[in-house]
Amino acid sequence: MTAEIKAALAHLRQAESDGVVTIDATGPASRKAVRVRETGLEPHFGTVTWSAPPSYRAFLAVHNGLTCTRTVDGVDHEFAVLDEDELVELNADLVHLPEDVSRGDDRHLSTNHLVGFAGAGYEAVWCFDVTQPDADGEYPVYYHHQDDDEGRTRFADSGEWEFPESATPDYPSFAAWFTAMARAFSAAEPPEWFTELGAPGPLITRE
């Protein structure tokens, strides 16, 4: 387990002990569970090829799935790192667009560059962009909602971003994302964006 993942998990466990959050987690992911994540995606057209990045694998070595919930002013907020079956279903339902979707200009759109790995509640998804690995094999992380006016779509014919301003990721890696979630959910006062989890984006989490 990487130091970042270990520290973030310890942070969440302390928050759970303090009564700040509730955590529901499974044991380690099996090799089969990791393989299903990597090979089980069936987009509505084309293919998605990816490998679980190192920091995500480090997390999966501890938990195949984890849900963290915090109640603020009577409202539950959560993030959920999905197990393999949930991941496959979520991508089919909320991430990958059907074929031949356009905005009426005959330029078809695609979200096949995204792999959703965690839910943020209310149909919001945290996704890897699996077309942008860094030198260590880590993928950037994006907040995605199917009802975004300007989402994380690319043009199917060229791979260009439909909205160039959407190309900036929220986090550079799974480890950075997980660390940010652990801090936000355990903070004495959650950050401003916390209550917007689950709403259509953009969700501005960068400081």
N, C-alpha and C. Protein backbone atom coordinates (compact mmCIF):
# COMPACT_ATOMS: atom_id res chain seq x y z
N MET A 1 0.84 -1.18 0.00
CA MET A 1 0.00 0.00 0.00
C MET A 1 0.88 1.25 0.00
N THR A 2 0.55 2.21 -0.86
CA THR A 2 1.33 3.44 -0.88
C THR A 2 1.09 4.22 0.40
N ALA A 3 2.05 5.09 0.72
CA ALA A 3 1.94 5.88 1.95
C ALA A 3 0.70 6.78 1.91
N GLU A 4 0.38 7.33 0.74
CA GLU A 4 -0.78 8.21 0.62
C GLU A 4 -2.08 7.47 0.92
N ILE A 5 -2.23 6.29 0.37
CA ILE A 5 -3.45 5.51 0.59
C ILE A 5 -3.54 5.09 2.05
N LYS A 6 -2.44 4.66 2.62
CA LYS A 6 -2.43 4.26 4.01
C LYS A 6 -2.81 5.41 4.93
N ALA A 7 -2.27 6.59 4.66
CA ALA A 7 -2.55 7.76 5.49
C ALA A 7 -4.02 8.18 5.36
N ALA A 8 -4.55 8.15 4.14
CA ALA A 8 -5.95 8.56 3.93
C ALA A 8 -6.90 7.59 4.62
N LEU A 9 -6.62 6.29 4.54
CA LEU A 9 -7.47 5.31 5.21
C LEU A 9 -7.41 5.50 6.72
N ALA A 10 -6.23 5.77 7.24
CA ALA A 10 -6.11 6.02 8.69
C ALA A 10 -6.89 7.25 9.10
N HIS A 11 -6.87 8.27 8.25
CA HIS A 11 -7.62 9.50 8.51
C HIS A 11 -9.11 9.21 8.59
N LEU A 12 -9.62 8.40 7.66
CA LEU A 12 -11.04 8.06 7.65
C LEU A 12 -11.41 7.21 8.86
N ARG A 13 -10.54 6.28 9.22
CA ARG A 13 -10.84 5.42 10.37
C ARG A 13 -10.88 6.23 11.66
N GLN A 14 -10.01 7.24 11.76
CA GLN A 14 -10.05 8.11 12.94
C GLN A 14 -11.35 8.91 12.97
N ALA A 15 -11.78 9.40 11.80
CA ALA A 15 -13.04 10.14 11.72
C ALA A 15 -14.22 9.23 12.07
N GLU A 16 -14.14 7.97 11.68
CA GLU A 16 -15.19 7.02 12.04
C GLU A 16 -15.20 6.80 13.54
N SER A 17 -14.02 6.66 14.13
CA SER A 17 -13.93 6.47 15.58
C SER A 17 -14.47 7.67 16.33
N ASP A 18 -14.29 8.86 15.74
CA ASP A 18 -14.77 10.10 16.37
C ASP A 18 -16.26 10.35 16.13
N GLY A 19 -16.90 9.48 15.36
CA GLY A 19 -18.31 9.62 15.09
C GLY A 19 -18.65 10.63 14.01
N VAL A 20 -17.65 11.03 13.21
CA VAL A 20 -17.86 12.04 12.17
C VAL A 20 -18.42 11.40 10.91
N VAL A 21 -17.93 10.23 10.55
CA VAL A 21 -18.36 9.54 9.34
C VAL A 21 -18.77 8.11 9.66
N THR A 22 -19.48 7.51 8.72
CA THR A 22 -19.79 6.09 8.77
C THR A 22 -19.13 5.42 7.57
N ILE A 23 -18.46 4.32 7.80
CA ILE A 23 -17.75 3.61 6.74
C ILE A 23 -18.26 2.19 6.63
N ASP A 24 -18.53 1.77 5.40
CA ASP A 24 -18.91 0.40 5.10
C ASP A 24 -17.92 -0.10 4.05
N ALA A 25 -17.07 -1.05 4.43
CA ALA A 25 -16.00 -1.49 3.54
C ALA A 25 -15.91 -3.00 3.51
N THR A 26 -15.47 -3.52 2.37
CA THR A 26 -15.24 -4.95 2.20
C THR A 26 -13.76 -5.25 2.37
N GLY A 27 -13.41 -6.53 2.26
CA GLY A 27 -12.02 -6.93 2.31
C GLY A 27 -11.31 -6.67 1.00
N PRO A 28 -10.10 -7.17 0.84
CA PRO A 28 -9.31 -6.92 -0.37
C PRO A 28 -9.98 -7.45 -1.63
N ALA A 29 -9.65 -6.81 -2.75
CA ALA A 29 -10.14 -7.27 -4.05
C ALA A 29 -9.33 -8.48 -4.50
N SER A 30 -10.01 -9.44 -5.03
CA SER A 30 -9.33 -10.60 -5.60
C SER A 30 -8.75 -10.24 -6.97
N ARG A 31 -7.88 -11.08 -7.47
CA ARG A 31 -7.36 -10.86 -8.83
C ARG A 31 -8.50 -10.85 -9.83
N LYS A 32 -9.48 -11.71 -9.63
CA LYS A 32 -10.63 -11.75 -10.54
C LYS A 32 -11.40 -10.43 -10.49
N ALA A 33 -11.57 -9.86 -9.30
CA ALA A 33 -12.31 -8.61 -9.17
C ALA A 33 -11.60 -7.48 -9.90
N VAL A 34 -10.28 -7.45 -9.83
CA VAL A 34 -9.53 -6.43 -10.58
C VAL A 34 -9.66 -6.67 -12.06
N ARG A 35 -9.58 -7.93 -12.48
CA ARG A 35 -9.67 -8.27 -13.90
C ARG A 35 -11.04 -7.91 -14.47
N VAL A 36 -12.11 -8.13 -13.69
CA VAL A 36 -13.45 -7.77 -14.15
C VAL A 36 -13.54 -6.26 -14.38
N ARG A 37 -12.95 -5.49 -13.51
CA ARG A 37 -12.92 -4.04 -13.70
C ARG A 37 -12.26 -3.68 -15.03
N GLU A 38 -11.16 -4.35 -15.33
CA GLU A 38 -10.37 -3.98 -16.49
C GLU A 38 -10.92 -4.53 -17.80
N THR A 39 -11.66 -5.61 -17.74
CA THR A 39 -12.09 -6.27 -18.98
C THR A 39 -13.61 -6.35 -19.14
N GLY A 40 -14.35 -6.00 -18.11
CA GLY A 40 -15.79 -6.22 -18.14
C GLY A 40 -16.61 -5.07 -18.68
N LEU A 41 -15.98 -3.96 -19.02
CA LEU A 41 -16.73 -2.82 -19.52
C LEU A 41 -17.25 -3.09 -20.92
N GLU A 42 -18.50 -2.75 -21.15
CA GLU A 42 -19.13 -2.94 -22.47
C GLU A 42 -19.80 -1.63 -22.86
N PRO A 43 -19.02 -0.68 -23.40
CA PRO A 43 -19.63 0.58 -23.83
C PRO A 43 -20.64 0.33 -24.95
N HIS A 44 -21.50 1.30 -25.19
CA HIS A 44 -22.56 1.14 -26.17
C HIS A 44 -22.03 1.10 -27.60
N PHE A 45 -20.80 1.58 -27.80
CA PHE A 45 -20.12 1.44 -29.09
C PHE A 45 -18.63 1.51 -28.81
N GLY A 46 -17.84 0.97 -29.71
CA GLY A 46 -16.39 1.00 -29.53
C GLY A 46 -15.94 0.14 -28.36
N THR A 47 -14.74 0.42 -27.89
CA THR A 47 -14.15 -0.34 -26.80
C THR A 47 -13.49 0.60 -25.80
N VAL A 48 -13.27 0.11 -24.60
CA VAL A 48 -12.53 0.83 -23.57
C VAL A 48 -11.42 -0.09 -23.10
N THR A 49 -10.19 0.34 -23.26
CA THR A 49 -9.04 -0.44 -22.83
C THR A 49 -8.31 0.32 -21.73
N TRP A 50 -8.10 -0.34 -20.59
CA TRP A 50 -7.43 0.34 -19.49
C TRP A 50 -6.88 -0.68 -18.51
N SER A 51 -5.97 -0.22 -17.67
CA SER A 51 -5.41 -1.02 -16.59
C SER A 51 -5.55 -0.24 -15.29
N ALA A 52 -5.89 -0.91 -14.22
CA ALA A 52 -6.02 -0.24 -12.93
C ALA A 52 -4.70 0.44 -12.57
N PRO A 53 -4.70 1.74 -12.29
CA PRO A 53 -3.46 2.44 -12.00
C PRO A 53 -2.90 2.06 -10.63
N PRO A 54 -1.61 2.33 -10.40
CA PRO A 54 -0.94 1.84 -9.19
C PRO A 54 -1.60 2.23 -7.87
N SER A 55 -1.96 3.50 -7.70
CA SER A 55 -2.52 3.91 -6.41
C SER A 55 -3.91 3.31 -6.19
N TYR A 56 -4.66 3.11 -7.26
CA TYR A 56 -5.96 2.44 -7.17
C TYR A 56 -5.76 0.98 -6.79
N ARG A 57 -4.76 0.33 -7.40
CA ARG A 57 -4.45 -1.05 -7.04
C ARG A 57 -4.06 -1.16 -5.56
N ALA A 58 -3.34 -0.15 -5.07
CA ALA A 58 -2.95 -0.16 -3.66
C ALA A 58 -4.18 -0.12 -2.76
N PHE A 59 -5.16 0.68 -3.15
CA PHE A 59 -6.41 0.72 -2.40
C PHE A 59 -7.13 -0.63 -2.48
N LEU A 60 -7.22 -1.20 -3.69
CA LEU A 60 -7.93 -2.46 -3.88
C LEU A 60 -7.26 -3.61 -3.12
N ALA A 61 -5.98 -3.49 -2.83
CA ALA A 61 -5.31 -4.51 -2.04
C ALA A 61 -5.83 -4.54 -0.60
N VAL A 62 -6.54 -3.48 -0.22
CA VAL A 62 -7.10 -3.39 1.14
C VAL A 62 -8.62 -3.55 1.12
N HIS A 63 -9.27 -2.87 0.17
CA HIS A 63 -10.73 -2.90 0.10
C HIS A 63 -11.20 -3.05 -1.35
N ASN A 64 -12.08 -3.99 -1.59
CA ASN A 64 -12.69 -4.13 -2.92
C ASN A 64 -13.75 -3.06 -3.14
N GLY A 65 -14.28 -2.54 -2.07
CA GLY A 65 -15.26 -1.46 -2.14
C GLY A 65 -15.34 -0.76 -0.80
N LEU A 66 -15.69 0.51 -0.84
CA LEU A 66 -15.79 1.29 0.40
C LEU A 66 -16.77 2.43 0.19
N THR A 67 -17.68 2.59 1.15
CA THR A 67 -18.61 3.72 1.14
C THR A 67 -18.41 4.52 2.41
N CYS A 68 -18.22 5.83 2.24
CA CYS A 68 -18.04 6.74 3.37
C CYS A 68 -19.20 7.74 3.34
N THR A 69 -19.90 7.87 4.46
CA THR A 69 -21.05 8.75 4.55
C THR A 69 -20.89 9.73 5.71
N ARG A 70 -21.25 10.98 5.43
CA ARG A 70 -21.27 12.00 6.48
C ARG A 70 -22.57 12.78 6.37
N THR A 71 -23.22 13.00 7.50
CA THR A 71 -24.47 13.74 7.53
C THR A 71 -24.20 15.17 7.99
N VAL A 72 -24.62 16.12 7.17
CA VAL A 72 -24.47 17.54 7.49
C VAL A 72 -25.83 18.21 7.35
N ASP A 73 -26.29 18.83 8.44
CA ASP A 73 -27.60 19.50 8.45
C ASP A 73 -28.71 18.58 7.98
N GLY A 74 -28.63 17.33 8.40
CA GLY A 74 -29.68 16.37 8.11
C GLY A 74 -29.60 15.74 6.73
N VAL A 75 -28.58 16.08 5.95
CA VAL A 75 -28.43 15.55 4.59
C VAL A 75 -27.22 14.62 4.54
N ASP A 76 -27.40 13.44 3.98
CA ASP A 76 -26.30 12.49 3.84
C ASP A 76 -25.49 12.80 2.59
N HIS A 77 -24.18 12.84 2.75
CA HIS A 77 -23.26 13.00 1.64
C HIS A 77 -22.33 11.80 1.66
N GLU A 78 -21.97 11.32 0.48
CA GLU A 78 -21.14 10.13 0.45
C GLU A 78 -20.24 10.09 -0.76
N PHE A 79 -19.21 9.28 -0.64
CA PHE A 79 -18.48 8.80 -1.81
C PHE A 79 -18.34 7.30 -1.66
N ALA A 80 -18.38 6.59 -2.77
CA ALA A 80 -18.36 5.14 -2.73
C ALA A 80 -17.43 4.60 -3.80
N VAL A 81 -16.33 4.01 -3.39
CA VAL A 81 -15.44 3.31 -4.32
C VAL A 81 -16.11 1.97 -4.61
N LEU A 82 -16.41 1.72 -5.88
CA LEU A 82 -17.30 0.64 -6.26
C LEU A 82 -16.60 -0.70 -6.39
N ASP A 83 -17.34 -1.77 -6.09
CA ASP A 83 -16.80 -3.09 -6.38
C ASP A 83 -16.90 -3.35 -7.88
N GLU A 84 -16.44 -4.49 -8.33
CA GLU A 84 -16.30 -4.72 -9.77
C GLU A 84 -17.64 -4.74 -10.50
N ASP A 85 -18.65 -5.37 -9.90
CA ASP A 85 -19.95 -5.44 -10.56
C ASP A 85 -20.62 -4.06 -10.61
N GLU A 86 -20.50 -3.32 -9.53
CA GLU A 86 -21.07 -1.97 -9.49
C GLU A 86 -20.38 -1.06 -10.50
N LEU A 87 -19.07 -1.23 -10.64
CA LEU A 87 -18.32 -0.41 -11.59
C LEU A 87 -18.79 -0.65 -13.02
N VAL A 88 -18.95 -1.90 -13.40
CA VAL A 88 -19.40 -2.23 -14.75
C VAL A 88 -20.79 -1.66 -15.00
N GLU A 89 -21.69 -1.83 -14.03
CA GLU A 89 -23.06 -1.34 -14.19
C GLU A 89 -23.12 0.18 -14.25
N LEU A 90 -22.37 0.84 -13.39
CA LEU A 90 -22.40 2.30 -13.36
C LEU A 90 -21.90 2.90 -14.66
N ASN A 91 -20.86 2.34 -15.24
CA ASN A 91 -20.35 2.89 -16.50
C ASN A 91 -21.36 2.74 -17.62
N ALA A 92 -22.06 1.63 -17.65
CA ALA A 92 -23.07 1.42 -18.67
C ALA A 92 -24.25 2.38 -18.50
N ASP A 93 -24.60 2.65 -17.24
CA ASP A 93 -25.80 3.45 -16.97
C ASP A 93 -25.55 4.95 -16.95
N LEU A 94 -24.41 5.39 -16.42
CA LEU A 94 -24.22 6.81 -16.14
C LEU A 94 -23.01 7.46 -16.81
N VAL A 95 -22.12 6.68 -17.39
CA VAL A 95 -20.89 7.26 -17.92
C VAL A 95 -20.83 7.19 -19.44
N HIS A 96 -20.94 6.02 -20.01
CA HIS A 96 -20.70 5.85 -21.45
C HIS A 96 -21.94 6.19 -22.27
N LEU A 97 -21.76 7.13 -23.19
CA LEU A 97 -22.85 7.59 -24.04
C LEU A 97 -23.25 6.54 -25.08
N PRO A 98 -24.52 6.53 -25.48
CA PRO A 98 -24.92 5.71 -26.63
C PRO A 98 -24.23 6.20 -27.90
N GLU A 99 -24.30 5.41 -28.95
CA GLU A 99 -23.70 5.78 -30.22
C GLU A 99 -24.52 6.88 -30.90
N ASP A 100 -23.82 7.72 -31.65
CA ASP A 100 -24.43 8.75 -32.50
C ASP A 100 -25.14 9.85 -31.72
N VAL A 101 -24.68 10.13 -30.50
CA VAL A 101 -25.19 11.28 -29.75
C VAL A 101 -24.50 12.54 -30.25
N SER A 102 -25.26 13.57 -30.52
CA SER A 102 -24.68 14.85 -30.92
C SER A 102 -25.56 15.97 -30.37
N ARG A 103 -25.14 17.19 -30.58
CA ARG A 103 -25.94 18.35 -30.19
C ARG A 103 -26.64 18.96 -31.41
N GLY A 104 -26.91 18.11 -32.39
CA GLY A 104 -27.62 18.55 -33.57
C GLY A 104 -26.74 19.06 -34.69
N ASP A 105 -25.41 18.89 -34.54
CA ASP A 105 -24.49 19.37 -35.57
C ASP A 105 -23.80 18.23 -36.30
N ASP A 106 -24.28 17.00 -36.08
CA ASP A 106 -23.74 15.80 -36.73
C ASP A 106 -22.32 15.47 -36.29
N ARG A 107 -21.82 16.13 -35.26
CA ARG A 107 -20.53 15.73 -34.67
C ARG A 107 -20.84 14.86 -33.46
N HIS A 108 -20.60 13.58 -33.61
CA HIS A 108 -20.98 12.64 -32.57
C HIS A 108 -20.03 12.74 -31.38
N LEU A 109 -20.59 12.49 -30.21
CA LEU A 109 -19.85 12.65 -28.96
C LEU A 109 -19.58 11.29 -28.32
N SER A 110 -18.53 11.26 -27.50
CA SER A 110 -18.15 10.02 -26.82
C SER A 110 -17.66 10.33 -25.41
N THR A 111 -17.92 9.39 -24.51
CA THR A 111 -17.31 9.42 -23.19
C THR A 111 -16.55 8.12 -22.93
N ASN A 112 -16.14 7.44 -23.99
CA ASN A 112 -15.42 6.18 -23.84
C ASN A 112 -14.02 6.36 -23.27
N HIS A 113 -13.57 7.61 -23.16
CA HIS A 113 -12.27 7.86 -22.52
C HIS A 113 -12.38 7.79 -21.00
N LEU A 114 -13.61 7.77 -20.48
CA LEU A 114 -13.83 7.78 -19.03
C LEU A 114 -14.14 6.39 -18.50
N VAL A 115 -13.62 6.11 -17.31
CA VAL A 115 -14.00 4.92 -16.56
C VAL A 115 -14.39 5.38 -15.16
N GLY A 116 -15.67 5.27 -14.85
CA GLY A 116 -16.14 5.64 -13.52
C GLY A 116 -15.74 4.59 -12.50
N PHE A 117 -15.16 5.02 -11.40
CA PHE A 117 -14.71 4.09 -10.36
C PHE A 117 -15.36 4.35 -9.01
N ALA A 118 -16.02 5.51 -8.86
CA ALA A 118 -16.61 5.86 -7.57
C ALA A 118 -17.85 6.72 -7.79
N GLY A 119 -18.85 6.49 -6.97
CA GLY A 119 -20.04 7.31 -7.00
C GLY A 119 -19.94 8.45 -6.00
N ALA A 120 -20.62 9.55 -6.33
CA ALA A 120 -20.67 10.70 -5.44
C ALA A 120 -22.11 11.00 -5.03
N GLY A 121 -23.01 10.06 -5.28
CA GLY A 121 -24.41 10.24 -4.95
C GLY A 121 -25.17 10.97 -6.05
N TYR A 122 -26.45 10.66 -6.17
CA TYR A 122 -27.35 11.37 -7.08
C TYR A 122 -26.84 11.37 -8.53
N GLU A 123 -26.35 10.23 -9.00
CA GLU A 123 -25.93 10.01 -10.38
C GLU A 123 -24.63 10.74 -10.75
N ALA A 124 -23.90 11.22 -9.80
CA ALA A 124 -22.58 11.80 -10.06
C ALA A 124 -21.52 10.72 -9.91
N VAL A 125 -20.48 10.82 -10.72
CA VAL A 125 -19.47 9.76 -10.79
C VAL A 125 -18.07 10.38 -10.82
N TRP A 126 -17.16 9.78 -10.09
CA TRP A 126 -15.74 10.12 -10.22
C TRP A 126 -15.13 9.16 -11.23
N CYS A 127 -14.43 9.70 -12.22
CA CYS A 127 -13.94 8.91 -13.35
C CYS A 127 -12.44 9.09 -13.59
N PHE A 128 -11.80 8.04 -14.06
CA PHE A 128 -10.48 8.14 -14.66
C PHE A 128 -10.64 8.54 -16.12
N ASP A 129 -9.71 9.34 -16.63
CA ASP A 129 -9.57 9.47 -18.09
C ASP A 129 -8.45 8.52 -18.48
N VAL A 130 -8.84 7.37 -19.04
CA VAL A 130 -7.88 6.30 -19.27
C VAL A 130 -7.05 6.51 -20.52
N THR A 131 -7.26 7.63 -21.20
CA THR A 131 -6.43 7.96 -22.36
C THR A 131 -5.26 8.87 -21.98
N GLN A 132 -5.15 9.22 -20.69
CA GLN A 132 -4.12 10.18 -20.28
C GLN A 132 -3.24 9.64 -19.14
N PRO A 133 -2.64 8.45 -19.27
CA PRO A 133 -1.77 7.98 -18.20
C PRO A 133 -0.51 8.83 -18.10
N ASP A 134 -0.03 9.03 -16.87
CA ASP A 134 1.25 9.72 -16.72
C ASP A 134 2.39 8.70 -16.74
N ALA A 135 3.59 9.14 -16.45
CA ALA A 135 4.75 8.26 -16.54
C ALA A 135 4.67 7.08 -15.57
N ASP A 136 3.90 7.25 -14.50
CA ASP A 136 3.76 6.18 -13.50
C ASP A 136 2.53 5.31 -13.74
N GLY A 137 1.78 5.59 -14.81
CA GLY A 137 0.58 4.82 -15.09
C GLY A 137 -0.65 5.30 -14.36
N GLU A 138 -0.55 6.48 -13.72
CA GLU A 138 -1.71 7.04 -13.03
C GLU A 138 -2.57 7.84 -14.01
N TYR A 139 -3.89 7.73 -13.84
CA TYR A 139 -4.82 8.48 -14.68
C TYR A 139 -5.35 9.70 -13.92
N PRO A 140 -5.60 10.81 -14.61
CA PRO A 140 -6.26 11.94 -13.95
C PRO A 140 -7.71 11.59 -13.63
N VAL A 141 -8.25 12.29 -12.64
CA VAL A 141 -9.60 12.03 -12.14
C VAL A 141 -10.51 13.21 -12.43
N TYR A 142 -11.71 12.91 -12.90
CA TYR A 142 -12.71 13.92 -13.26
C TYR A 142 -14.04 13.65 -12.55
N TYR A 143 -14.71 14.71 -12.19
CA TYR A 143 -16.09 14.64 -11.69
C TYR A 143 -17.01 14.72 -12.89
N HIS A 144 -17.95 13.77 -12.98
CA HIS A 144 -18.81 13.67 -14.16
C HIS A 144 -20.25 13.47 -13.72
N HIS A 145 -21.15 14.17 -14.39
CA HIS A 145 -22.59 13.97 -14.15
C HIS A 145 -23.28 13.98 -15.50
N GLN A 146 -24.17 13.03 -15.71
CA GLN A 146 -24.82 12.90 -17.02
C GLN A 146 -25.69 14.11 -17.36
N ASP A 147 -26.04 14.93 -16.37
CA ASP A 147 -26.86 16.11 -16.62
C ASP A 147 -26.06 17.40 -16.73
N ASP A 148 -24.73 17.31 -16.80
CA ASP A 148 -23.90 18.50 -16.98
C ASP A 148 -24.25 19.20 -18.29
N ASP A 149 -24.37 20.52 -18.25
CA ASP A 149 -24.57 21.28 -19.48
C ASP A 149 -23.32 21.23 -20.36
N GLU A 150 -22.18 21.34 -19.72
CA GLU A 150 -20.89 21.22 -20.41
C GLU A 150 -20.10 20.14 -19.69
N GLY A 151 -20.17 18.94 -20.23
CA GLY A 151 -19.61 17.81 -19.53
C GLY A 151 -18.20 17.45 -19.97
N ARG A 152 -17.87 16.20 -19.77
CA ARG A 152 -16.52 15.68 -20.04
C ARG A 152 -16.47 14.96 -21.37
N THR A 153 -17.29 15.38 -22.31
CA THR A 153 -17.39 14.71 -23.60
C THR A 153 -16.26 15.09 -24.55
N ARG A 154 -15.97 14.16 -25.46
CA ARG A 154 -15.04 14.42 -26.56
C ARG A 154 -15.74 14.11 -27.87
N PHE A 155 -15.22 14.66 -28.96
CA PHE A 155 -15.76 14.32 -30.27
C PHE A 155 -15.26 12.94 -30.66
N ALA A 156 -16.19 12.09 -31.09
CA ALA A 156 -15.84 10.71 -31.41
C ALA A 156 -14.88 10.61 -32.58
N ASP A 157 -14.95 11.56 -33.53
CA ASP A 157 -14.12 11.44 -34.73
C ASP A 157 -12.69 11.90 -34.52
N SER A 158 -12.46 12.81 -33.58
CA SER A 158 -11.12 13.38 -33.42
C SER A 158 -10.52 13.17 -32.03
N GLY A 159 -11.36 12.90 -31.05
CA GLY A 159 -10.88 12.79 -29.68
C GLY A 159 -10.69 14.13 -28.99
N GLU A 160 -10.98 15.23 -29.70
CA GLU A 160 -10.87 16.55 -29.09
C GLU A 160 -11.98 16.75 -28.05
N TRP A 161 -11.66 17.52 -27.02
CA TRP A 161 -12.66 17.84 -26.02
C TRP A 161 -13.73 18.74 -26.64
N GLU A 162 -14.99 18.43 -26.36
CA GLU A 162 -16.07 19.29 -26.84
C GLU A 162 -15.96 20.68 -26.21
N PHE A 163 -15.68 20.72 -24.94
CA PHE A 163 -15.48 21.97 -24.22
C PHE A 163 -14.05 21.95 -23.66
N PRO A 164 -13.12 22.66 -24.30
CA PRO A 164 -11.71 22.60 -23.88
C PRO A 164 -11.50 22.91 -22.41
N GLU A 165 -12.35 23.77 -21.84
CA GLU A 165 -12.19 24.10 -20.43
C GLU A 165 -12.48 22.91 -19.52
N SER A 166 -13.16 21.89 -20.05
CA SER A 166 -13.46 20.68 -19.27
C SER A 166 -12.28 19.72 -19.21
N ALA A 167 -11.23 20.02 -19.98
CA ALA A 167 -10.10 19.09 -20.05
C ALA A 167 -9.25 19.09 -18.79
N THR A 168 -9.34 20.13 -17.97
CA THR A 168 -8.54 20.20 -16.76
C THR A 168 -9.08 19.23 -15.72
N PRO A 169 -8.28 18.28 -15.26
CA PRO A 169 -8.80 17.30 -14.30
C PRO A 169 -8.99 17.90 -12.92
N ASP A 170 -9.79 17.23 -12.12
CA ASP A 170 -9.99 17.64 -10.74
C ASP A 170 -8.82 17.19 -9.86
N TYR A 171 -8.28 16.02 -10.16
CA TYR A 171 -7.15 15.48 -9.40
C TYR A 171 -6.21 14.74 -10.34
N PRO A 172 -4.91 14.71 -10.03
CA PRO A 172 -3.96 14.06 -10.93
C PRO A 172 -3.92 12.54 -10.84
N SER A 173 -4.52 11.98 -9.78
CA SER A 173 -4.42 10.53 -9.59
C SER A 173 -5.48 10.06 -8.60
N PHE A 174 -5.65 8.75 -8.53
CA PHE A 174 -6.55 8.18 -7.52
C PHE A 174 -6.09 8.55 -6.12
N ALA A 175 -4.79 8.46 -5.86
CA ALA A 175 -4.28 8.76 -4.53
C ALA A 175 -4.60 10.19 -4.12
N ALA A 176 -4.43 11.14 -5.04
CA ALA A 176 -4.73 12.53 -4.73
C ALA A 176 -6.22 12.71 -4.48
N TRP A 177 -7.05 12.05 -5.29
CA TRP A 177 -8.50 12.13 -5.10
C TRP A 177 -8.91 11.53 -3.76
N PHE A 178 -8.41 10.34 -3.44
CA PHE A 178 -8.80 9.66 -2.21
C PHE A 178 -8.35 10.45 -0.98
N THR A 179 -7.18 11.03 -1.06
CA THR A 179 -6.69 11.88 0.03
C THR A 179 -7.60 13.08 0.23
N ALA A 180 -8.02 13.70 -0.88
CA ALA A 180 -8.92 14.86 -0.79
C ALA A 180 -10.27 14.48 -0.20
N MET A 181 -10.80 13.33 -0.59
CA MET A 181 -12.08 12.88 -0.04
C MET A 181 -11.96 12.61 1.46
N ALA A 182 -10.88 11.97 1.86
CA ALA A 182 -10.68 11.67 3.28
C ALA A 182 -10.61 12.96 4.10
N ARG A 183 -9.90 13.94 3.60
CA ARG A 183 -9.80 15.21 4.32
C ARG A 183 -11.13 15.95 4.37
N ALA A 184 -11.84 15.97 3.23
CA ALA A 184 -13.10 16.70 3.18
C ALA A 184 -14.15 16.07 4.11
N PHE A 185 -14.24 14.75 4.09
CA PHE A 185 -15.26 14.08 4.89
C PHE A 185 -14.94 14.08 6.38
N SER A 186 -13.69 14.26 6.74
CA SER A 186 -13.31 14.24 8.15
C SER A 186 -13.06 15.63 8.72
N ALA A 187 -13.12 16.67 7.88
CA ALA A 187 -12.80 18.03 8.33
C ALA A 187 -13.82 18.52 9.37
N ALA A 188 -13.33 19.34 10.30
CA ALA A 188 -14.23 19.95 11.28
C ALA A 188 -15.30 20.77 10.57
N GLU A 189 -14.89 21.49 9.54
CA GLU A 189 -15.82 22.21 8.67
C GLU A 189 -15.53 21.78 7.23
N PRO A 190 -16.43 21.03 6.62
CA PRO A 190 -16.19 20.56 5.25
C PRO A 190 -16.00 21.73 4.29
N PRO A 191 -15.27 21.51 3.20
CA PRO A 191 -15.05 22.58 2.21
C PRO A 191 -16.36 23.01 1.55
N GLU A 192 -16.33 24.15 0.88
CA GLU A 192 -17.55 24.71 0.30
C GLU A 192 -18.21 23.77 -0.70
N TRP A 193 -17.40 23.01 -1.46
CA TRP A 193 -17.96 22.15 -2.49
C TRP A 193 -18.63 20.90 -1.93
N PHE A 194 -18.45 20.64 -0.65
CA PHE A 194 -18.90 19.38 -0.06
C PHE A 194 -20.40 19.16 -0.25
N THR A 195 -21.20 20.18 0.00
CA THR A 195 -22.66 20.02 -0.11
C THR A 195 -23.13 19.97 -1.55
N GLU A 196 -22.23 20.20 -2.52
CA GLU A 196 -22.60 20.13 -3.93
C GLU A 196 -22.34 18.74 -4.52
N LEU A 197 -21.79 17.84 -3.73
CA LEU A 197 -21.57 16.49 -4.23
C LEU A 197 -22.88 15.88 -4.70
N GLY A 198 -22.86 15.32 -5.89
CA GLY A 198 -24.04 14.72 -6.47
C GLY A 198 -24.78 15.62 -7.44
N ALA A 199 -24.51 16.94 -7.40
CA ALA A 199 -25.15 17.87 -8.30
C ALA A 199 -24.39 17.90 -9.63
N PRO A 200 -25.06 18.27 -10.73
CA PRO A 200 -24.33 18.46 -11.99
C PRO A 200 -23.19 19.44 -11.83
N GLY A 201 -22.08 19.17 -12.53
CA GLY A 201 -20.88 19.98 -12.41
C GLY A 201 -20.94 21.26 -13.21
N PRO A 202 -19.82 22.00 -13.21
CA PRO A 202 -18.56 21.57 -12.61
C PRO A 202 -18.57 21.68 -11.10
N LEU A 203 -17.81 20.78 -10.47
CA LEU A 203 -17.62 20.80 -9.03
C LEU A 203 -16.19 21.30 -8.81
N ILE A 204 -16.05 22.52 -8.33
CA ILE A 204 -14.73 23.13 -8.21
C ILE A 204 -14.13 22.73 -6.87
N THR A 205 -13.28 21.70 -6.89
CA THR A 205 -12.64 21.23 -5.67
C THR A 205 -11.20 21.70 -5.57
N ARG A 206 -10.65 22.23 -6.67
CA ARG A 206 -9.25 22.65 -6.65
C ARG A 206 -9.12 23.95 -5.89
N GLU A 207 -8.11 24.02 -5.03
CA GLU A 207 -7.89 25.24 -4.25
C GLU A 207 -7.15 26.27 -5.07
